[in-house]
């Protein structure tokens, strides 16, 4: 997921990104439910849509990549 305070991706050489992981990889129903209810501050739930399976963004792993990557 691209993280931006504005639409500055067009004007920056590097952008911040956070990884998206499938929710099914999280062990334990209670842990998955906590993510789904957005009770884990550093993880953001993403419901399944089109080709994306039910997932979450992990904001503890933010990196900077060149926009040419995209």
PDB file of N, CA and C in Angstrom:
ATOM      1  N   UNK A   1       0.842  -1.154   0.000  1.00  0.00           N
ATOM      2  CA  UNK A   1       0.000   0.000   0.000  1.00  0.00           C
ATOM      3  C   UNK A   1       0.899   1.233   0.000  1.00  0.00           C
ATOM      4  N   UNK A   2       0.600   2.183  -0.853  1.00  0.00           N
ATOM      5  CA  UNK A   2       1.343   3.448  -0.872  1.00  0.00           C
ATOM      6  C   UNK A   2       0.807   4.326   0.249  1.00  0.00           C
ATOM      7  N   UNK A   3       1.723   4.922   1.010  1.00  0.00           N
ATOM      8  CA  UNK A   3       1.347   5.793   2.117  1.00  0.00           C
ATOM      9  C   UNK A   3       1.762   7.216   1.746  1.00  0.00           C
ATOM     10  N   UNK A   4       0.803   8.120   1.784  1.00  0.00           N
ATOM     11  CA  UNK A   4       1.082   9.492   1.390  1.00  0.00           C
ATOM     12  C   UNK A   4       0.182  10.451   2.159  1.00  0.00           C
ATOM     13  N   UNK A   5       0.719  11.607   2.487  1.00  0.00           N
ATOM     14  CA  UNK A   5      -0.077  12.636   3.147  1.00  0.00           C
ATOM     15  C   UNK A   5      -0.888  13.435   2.135  1.00  0.00           C
ATOM     16  N   UNK A   6      -0.493  13.327   0.884  1.00  0.00           N
ATOM     17  CA  UNK A   6      -1.180  14.044  -0.193  1.00  0.00           C
ATOM     18  C   UNK A   6      -0.930  13.281  -1.486  1.00  0.00           C
ATOM     19  N   UNK A   7      -1.159  13.909  -2.586  1.00  0.00           N
ATOM     20  CA  UNK A   7      -0.907  13.269  -3.890  1.00  0.00           C
ATOM     21  C   UNK A   7       0.525  13.518  -4.346  1.00  0.00           C
ATOM     22  N   UNK A   8       1.460  13.539  -3.414  1.00  0.00           N
ATOM     23  CA  UNK A   8       2.835  13.894  -3.748  1.00  0.00           C
ATOM     24  C   UNK A   8       3.594  12.805  -4.494  1.00  0.00           C
ATOM     25  N   UNK A   9       2.984  11.653  -4.751  1.00  0.00           N
ATOM     26  CA  UNK A   9       3.676  10.594  -5.475  1.00  0.00           C
ATOM     27  C   UNK A   9       4.119  11.078  -6.858  1.00  0.00           C
ATOM     28  N   UNK A  10       3.357  11.962  -7.443  1.00  0.00           N
ATOM     29  CA  UNK A  10       3.714  12.478  -8.766  1.00  0.00           C
ATOM     30  C   UNK A  10       4.957  13.354  -8.725  1.00  0.00           C
ATOM     31  N   UNK A  11       5.247  13.943  -7.566  1.00  0.00           N
ATOM     32  CA  UNK A  11       6.328  14.913  -7.470  1.00  0.00           C
ATOM     33  C   UNK A  11       7.533  14.425  -6.683  1.00  0.00           C
ATOM     34  N   UNK A  12       7.493  13.198  -6.205  1.00  0.00           N
ATOM     35  CA  UNK A  12       8.577  12.660  -5.385  1.00  0.00           C
ATOM     36  C   UNK A  12       9.293  11.538  -6.119  1.00  0.00           C
ATOM     37  N   UNK A  13      10.593  11.408  -5.844  1.00  0.00           N
ATOM     38  CA  UNK A  13      11.351  10.303  -6.420  1.00  0.00           C
ATOM     39  C   UNK A  13      11.091   9.014  -5.647  1.00  0.00           C
ATOM     40  N   UNK A  14      10.902   9.127  -4.328  1.00  0.00           N
ATOM     41  CA  UNK A  14      10.647   7.969  -3.479  1.00  0.00           C
ATOM     42  C   UNK A  14       9.289   8.106  -2.795  1.00  0.00           C
ATOM     43  N   UNK A  15       8.639   6.966  -2.542  1.00  0.00           N
ATOM     44  CA  UNK A  15       7.360   6.958  -1.840  1.00  0.00           C
ATOM     45  C   UNK A  15       7.425   5.928  -0.713  1.00  0.00           C
ATOM     46  N   UNK A  16       6.628   6.152   0.324  1.00  0.00           N
ATOM     47  CA  UNK A  16       6.552   5.217   1.443  1.00  0.00           C
ATOM     48  C   UNK A  16       5.504   4.156   1.134  1.00  0.00           C
ATOM     49  N   UNK A  17       5.829   2.908   1.450  1.00  0.00           N
ATOM     50  CA  UNK A  17       4.912   1.800   1.226  1.00  0.00           C
ATOM     51  C   UNK A  17       4.862   0.911   2.466  1.00  0.00           C
ATOM     52  N   UNK A  18       3.740   0.252   2.654  1.00  0.00           N
ATOM     53  CA  UNK A  18       3.564  -0.728   3.717  1.00  0.00           C
ATOM     54  C   UNK A  18       3.051  -2.018   3.077  1.00  0.00           C
ATOM     55  N   UNK A  19       3.516  -3.169   3.552  1.00  0.00           N
ATOM     56  CA  UNK A  19       3.115  -4.436   2.924  1.00  0.00           C
ATOM     57  C   UNK A  19       1.693  -4.854   3.282  1.00  0.00           C
ATOM     58  N   UNK A  20       1.107  -5.624   2.379  1.00  0.00           N
ATOM     59  CA  UNK A  20      -0.216  -6.205   2.578  1.00  0.00           C
ATOM     60  C   UNK A  20      -0.038  -7.717   2.680  1.00  0.00           C
ATOM     61  N   UNK A  21      -0.647  -8.308   3.726  1.00  0.00           N
ATOM     62  CA  UNK A  21      -0.551  -9.746   3.952  1.00  0.00           C
ATOM     63  C   UNK A  21      -1.949 -10.358   3.984  1.00  0.00           C
ATOM     64  N   UNK A  22      -2.082 -11.612   3.519  1.00  0.00           N
ATOM     65  CA  UNK A  22      -3.380 -12.298   3.617  1.00  0.00           C
ATOM     66  C   UNK A  22      -3.750 -12.520   5.084  1.00  0.00           C
ATOM     67  N   UNK A  23      -4.987 -12.264   5.426  1.00  0.00           N
ATOM     68  CA  UNK A  23      -5.448 -12.431   6.801  1.00  0.00           C
ATOM     69  C   UNK A  23      -5.354 -13.884   7.247  1.00  0.00           C
ATOM     70  N   UNK A  24      -5.508 -14.808   6.318  1.00  0.00           N
ATOM     71  CA  UNK A  24      -5.481 -16.229   6.661  1.00  0.00           C
ATOM     72  C   UNK A  24      -4.139 -16.668   7.238  1.00  0.00           C
ATOM     73  N   UNK A  25      -3.080 -15.885   7.034  1.00  0.00           N
ATOM     74  CA  UNK A  25      -1.762 -16.228   7.582  1.00  0.00           C
ATOM     75  C   UNK A  25      -1.656 -15.949   9.078  1.00  0.00           C
ATOM     76  N   UNK A  26      -2.592 -15.189   9.624  1.00  0.00           N
ATOM     77  CA  UNK A  26      -2.577 -14.876  11.058  1.00  0.00           C
ATOM     78  C   UNK A  26      -3.153 -16.073  11.807  1.00  0.00           C
ATOM     79  N   UNK A  27      -2.397 -16.568  12.781  1.00  0.00           N
ATOM     80  CA  UNK A  27      -2.843 -17.723  13.558  1.00  0.00           C
ATOM     81  C   UNK A  27      -3.827 -17.285  14.637  1.00  0.00           C
ATOM     82  N   UNK A  28      -4.882 -18.052  14.790  1.00  0.00           N
ATOM     83  CA  UNK A  28      -5.857 -17.807  15.840  1.00  0.00           C
ATOM     84  C   UNK A  28      -7.014 -16.933  15.399  1.00  0.00           C
ATOM     85  N   UNK A  29      -8.218 -17.453  15.597  1.00  0.00           N
ATOM     86  CA  UNK A  29      -9.422 -16.719  15.202  1.00  0.00           C
ATOM     87  C   UNK A  29      -9.549 -15.397  15.946  1.00  0.00           C
ATOM     88  N   UNK A  30      -9.213 -15.368  17.221  1.00  0.00           N
ATOM     89  CA  UNK A  30      -9.354 -14.125  17.994  1.00  0.00           C
ATOM     90  C   UNK A  30      -8.405 -13.048  17.475  1.00  0.00           C
ATOM     91  N   UNK A  31      -7.212 -13.435  17.033  1.00  0.00           N
ATOM     92  CA  UNK A  31      -6.272 -12.455  16.467  1.00  0.00           C
ATOM     93  C   UNK A  31      -6.780 -11.941  15.127  1.00  0.00           C
ATOM     94  N   UNK A  32      -7.320 -12.838  14.305  1.00  0.00           N
ATOM     95  CA  UNK A  32      -7.892 -12.411  13.019  1.00  0.00           C
ATOM     96  C   UNK A  32      -9.086 -11.488  13.245  1.00  0.00           C
ATOM     97  N   UNK A  33      -9.943 -11.846  14.204  1.00  0.00           N
ATOM     98  CA  UNK A  33     -11.106 -11.006  14.507  1.00  0.00           C
ATOM     99  C   UNK A  33     -10.686  -9.624  14.987  1.00  0.00           C
ATOM    100  N   UNK A  34      -9.635  -9.549  15.801  1.00  0.00           N
ATOM    101  CA  UNK A  34      -9.141  -8.255  16.292  1.00  0.00           C
ATOM    102  C   UNK A  34      -8.690  -7.375  15.132  1.00  0.00           C
ATOM    103  N   UNK A  35      -8.040  -7.972  14.144  1.00  0.00           N
ATOM    104  CA  UNK A  35      -7.606  -7.215  12.963  1.00  0.00           C
ATOM    105  C   UNK A  35      -8.837  -6.775  12.164  1.00  0.00           C
ATOM    106  N   UNK A  36      -9.787  -7.693  11.978  1.00  0.00           N
ATOM    107  CA  UNK A  36     -10.996  -7.365  11.211  1.00  0.00           C
ATOM    108  C   UNK A  36     -11.787  -6.232  11.853  1.00  0.00           C
ATOM    109  N   UNK A  37     -11.748  -6.130  13.171  1.00  0.00           N
ATOM    110  CA  UNK A  37     -12.467  -5.076  13.891  1.00  0.00           C
ATOM    111  C   UNK A  37     -11.592  -3.839  14.111  1.00  0.00           C
ATOM    112  N   UNK A  38     -10.411  -3.830  13.485  1.00  0.00           N
ATOM    113  CA  UNK A  38      -9.440  -2.729  13.592  1.00  0.00           C
ATOM    114  C   UNK A  38      -9.112  -2.386  15.045  1.00  0.00           C
ATOM    115  N   UNK A  39      -8.932  -3.433  15.870  1.00  0.00           N
ATOM    116  CA  UNK A  39      -8.537  -3.240  17.261  1.00  0.00           C
ATOM    117  C   UNK A  39      -7.029  -3.365  17.456  1.00  0.00           C
ATOM    118  N   UNK A  40      -6.297  -3.625  16.370  1.00  0.00           N
ATOM    119  CA  UNK A  40      -4.836  -3.678  16.421  1.00  0.00           C
ATOM    120  C   UNK A  40      -4.345  -2.400  15.757  1.00  0.00           C
ATOM    121  N   UNK A  41      -3.769  -1.497  16.548  1.00  0.00           N
ATOM    122  CA  UNK A  41      -3.449  -0.146  16.081  1.00  0.00           C
ATOM    123  C   UNK A  41      -2.553  -0.087  14.843  1.00  0.00           C
ATOM    124  N   UNK A  42      -1.669  -1.017  14.669  1.00  0.00           N
ATOM    125  CA  UNK A  42      -0.694  -0.954  13.586  1.00  0.00           C
ATOM    126  C   UNK A  42      -1.044  -1.848  12.404  1.00  0.00           C
ATOM    127  N   UNK A  43      -2.240  -2.423  12.420  1.00  0.00           N
ATOM    128  CA  UNK A  43      -2.707  -3.230  11.292  1.00  0.00           C
ATOM    129  C   UNK A  43      -4.070  -2.707  10.846  1.00  0.00           C
ATOM    130  N   UNK A  44      -4.252  -2.646   9.521  1.00  0.00           N
ATOM    131  CA  UNK A  44      -5.492  -2.123   8.959  1.00  0.00           C
ATOM    132  C   UNK A  44      -6.131  -3.196   8.082  1.00  0.00           C
ATOM    133  N   UNK A  45      -7.356  -3.550   8.396  1.00  0.00           N
ATOM    134  CA  UNK A  45      -8.068  -4.613   7.703  1.00  0.00           C
ATOM    135  C   UNK A  45      -8.506  -4.193   6.303  1.00  0.00           C
ATOM    136  N   UNK A  46      -8.352  -5.112   5.354  1.00  0.00           N
ATOM    137  CA  UNK A  46      -8.812  -4.908   3.981  1.00  0.00           C
ATOM    138  C   UNK A  46      -9.715  -6.086   3.602  1.00  0.00           C
ATOM    139  N   UNK A  47     -11.000  -5.853   3.396  1.00  0.00           N
ATOM    140  CA  UNK A  47     -11.887  -6.954   3.001  1.00  0.00           C
ATOM    141  C   UNK A  47     -11.544  -7.444   1.595  1.00  0.00           C
ATOM    142  N   UNK A  48     -11.985  -8.633   1.262  1.00  0.00           N
ATOM    143  CA  UNK A  48     -11.719  -9.149  -0.075  1.00  0.00           C
ATOM    144  C   UNK A  48     -12.514  -8.345  -1.107  1.00  0.00           C
ATOM    145  N   UNK A  49     -11.824  -7.983  -2.179  1.00  0.00           N
ATOM    146  CA  UNK A  49     -12.423  -7.216  -3.274  1.00  0.00           C
ATOM    147  C   UNK A  49     -11.725  -7.654  -4.556  1.00  0.00           C
ATOM    148  N   UNK A  50     -12.505  -7.994  -5.564  1.00  0.00           N
ATOM    149  CA  UNK A  50     -11.968  -8.404  -6.869  1.00  0.00           C
ATOM    150  C   UNK A  50     -10.889  -9.469  -6.674  1.00  0.00           C
ATOM    151  N   UNK A  51      -9.642  -9.161  -7.058  1.00  0.00           N
ATOM    152  CA  UNK A  51      -8.546 -10.131  -6.977  1.00  0.00           C
ATOM    153  C   UNK A  51      -7.831 -10.128  -5.622  1.00  0.00           C
ATOM    154  N   UNK A  52      -8.191  -9.226  -4.722  1.00  0.00           N
ATOM    155  CA  UNK A  52      -7.542  -9.137  -3.414  1.00  0.00           C
ATOM    156  C   UNK A  52      -8.290  -9.997  -2.399  1.00  0.00           C
ATOM    157  N   UNK A  53      -7.578 -10.974  -1.825  1.00  0.00           N
ATOM    158  CA  UNK A  53      -8.188 -11.787  -0.772  1.00  0.00           C
ATOM    159  C   UNK A  53      -8.249 -10.970   0.514  1.00  0.00           C
ATOM    160  N   UNK A  54      -9.037 -11.420   1.472  1.00  0.00           N
ATOM    161  CA  UNK A  54      -9.142 -10.747   2.761  1.00  0.00           C
ATOM    162  C   UNK A  54      -7.729 -10.583   3.336  1.00  0.00           C
ATOM    163  N   UNK A  55      -7.333  -9.335   3.621  1.00  0.00           N
ATOM    164  CA  UNK A  55      -5.946  -9.033   3.959  1.00  0.00           C
ATOM    165  C   UNK A  55      -5.863  -7.959   5.036  1.00  0.00           C
ATOM    166  N   UNK A  56      -4.619  -7.578   5.354  1.00  0.00           N
ATOM    167  CA  UNK A  56      -4.381  -6.449   6.246  1.00  0.00           C
ATOM    168  C   UNK A  56      -3.074  -5.770   5.868  1.00  0.00           C
ATOM    169  N   UNK A  57      -2.996  -4.483   6.152  1.00  0.00           N
ATOM    170  CA  UNK A  57      -1.771  -3.711   5.949  1.00  0.00           C
ATOM    171  C   UNK A  57      -1.038  -3.684   7.279  1.00  0.00           C
ATOM    172  N   UNK A  58       0.274  -3.915   7.250  1.00  0.00           N
ATOM    173  CA  UNK A  58       1.086  -3.875   8.472  1.00  0.00           C
ATOM    174  C   UNK A  58       1.898  -2.585   8.482  1.00  0.00           C
ATOM    175  N   UNK A  59       1.469  -1.625   9.305  1.00  0.00           N
ATOM    176  CA  UNK A  59       2.126  -0.322   9.354  1.00  0.00           C
ATOM    177  C   UNK A  59       3.420  -0.317  10.162  1.00  0.00           C
ATOM    178  N   UNK A  60       3.806  -1.468  10.721  1.00  0.00           N
ATOM    179  CA  UNK A  60       5.100  -1.529  11.421  1.00  0.00           C
ATOM    180  C   UNK A  60       6.242  -1.759  10.446  1.00  0.00           C
ATOM    181  N   UNK A  61       5.899  -2.058   9.188  1.00  0.00           N
ATOM    182  CA  UNK A  61       6.923  -2.336   8.175  1.00  0.00           C
ATOM    183  C   UNK A  61       6.764  -1.325   7.043  1.00  0.00           C
ATOM    184  N   UNK A  62       7.205  -0.109   7.260  1.00  0.00           N
ATOM    185  CA  UNK A  62       7.114   0.934   6.237  1.00  0.00           C
ATOM    186  C   UNK A  62       8.496   1.132   5.628  1.00  0.00           C
ATOM    187  N   UNK A  63       8.551   1.121   4.312  1.00  0.00           N
ATOM    188  CA  UNK A  63       9.801   1.301   3.588  1.00  0.00           C
ATOM    189  C   UNK A  63       9.642   2.371   2.528  1.00  0.00           C
ATOM    190  N   UNK A  64      10.762   2.827   2.036  1.00  0.00           N
ATOM    191  CA  UNK A  64      10.772   3.816   0.969  1.00  0.00           C
ATOM    192  C   UNK A  64      11.273   3.150  -0.304  1.00  0.00           C
ATOM    193  N   UNK A  65      10.530   3.332  -1.396  1.00  0.00           N
ATOM    194  CA  UNK A  65      10.932   2.760  -2.675  1.00  0.00           C
ATOM    195  C   UNK A  65      10.827   3.835  -3.755  1.00  0.00           C
ATOM    196  N   UNK A  66      11.589   3.668  -4.802  1.00  0.00           N
ATOM    197  CA  UNK A  66      11.534   4.606  -5.910  1.00  0.00           C
ATOM    198  C   UNK A  66      10.202   4.445  -6.626  1.00  0.00           C
ATOM    199  N   UNK A  67       9.636   5.551  -7.071  1.00  0.00           N
ATOM    200  CA  UNK A  67       8.337   5.461  -7.738  1.00  0.00           C
ATOM    201  C   UNK A  67       8.449   4.737  -9.075  1.00  0.00           C
ATOM    202  N   UNK A  68       9.658   4.576  -9.608  1.00  0.00           N
ATOM    203  CA  UNK A  68       9.839   3.806 -10.830  1.00  0.00           C
ATOM    204  C   UNK A  68       9.477   2.344 -10.637  1.00  0.00           C
ATOM    205  N   UNK A  69       9.469   1.901  -9.376  1.00  0.00           N
ATOM    206  CA  UNK A  69       9.076   0.538  -9.037  1.00  0.00           C
ATOM    207  C   UNK A  69       7.640   0.262  -9.495  1.00  0.00           C
ATOM    208  N   UNK A  70       6.817   1.306  -9.473  1.00  0.00           N
ATOM    209  CA  UNK A  70       5.427   1.158  -9.834  1.00  0.00           C
ATOM    210  C   UNK A  70       5.202   1.384 -11.301  1.00  0.00           C
TER     211      UNK A  70
END
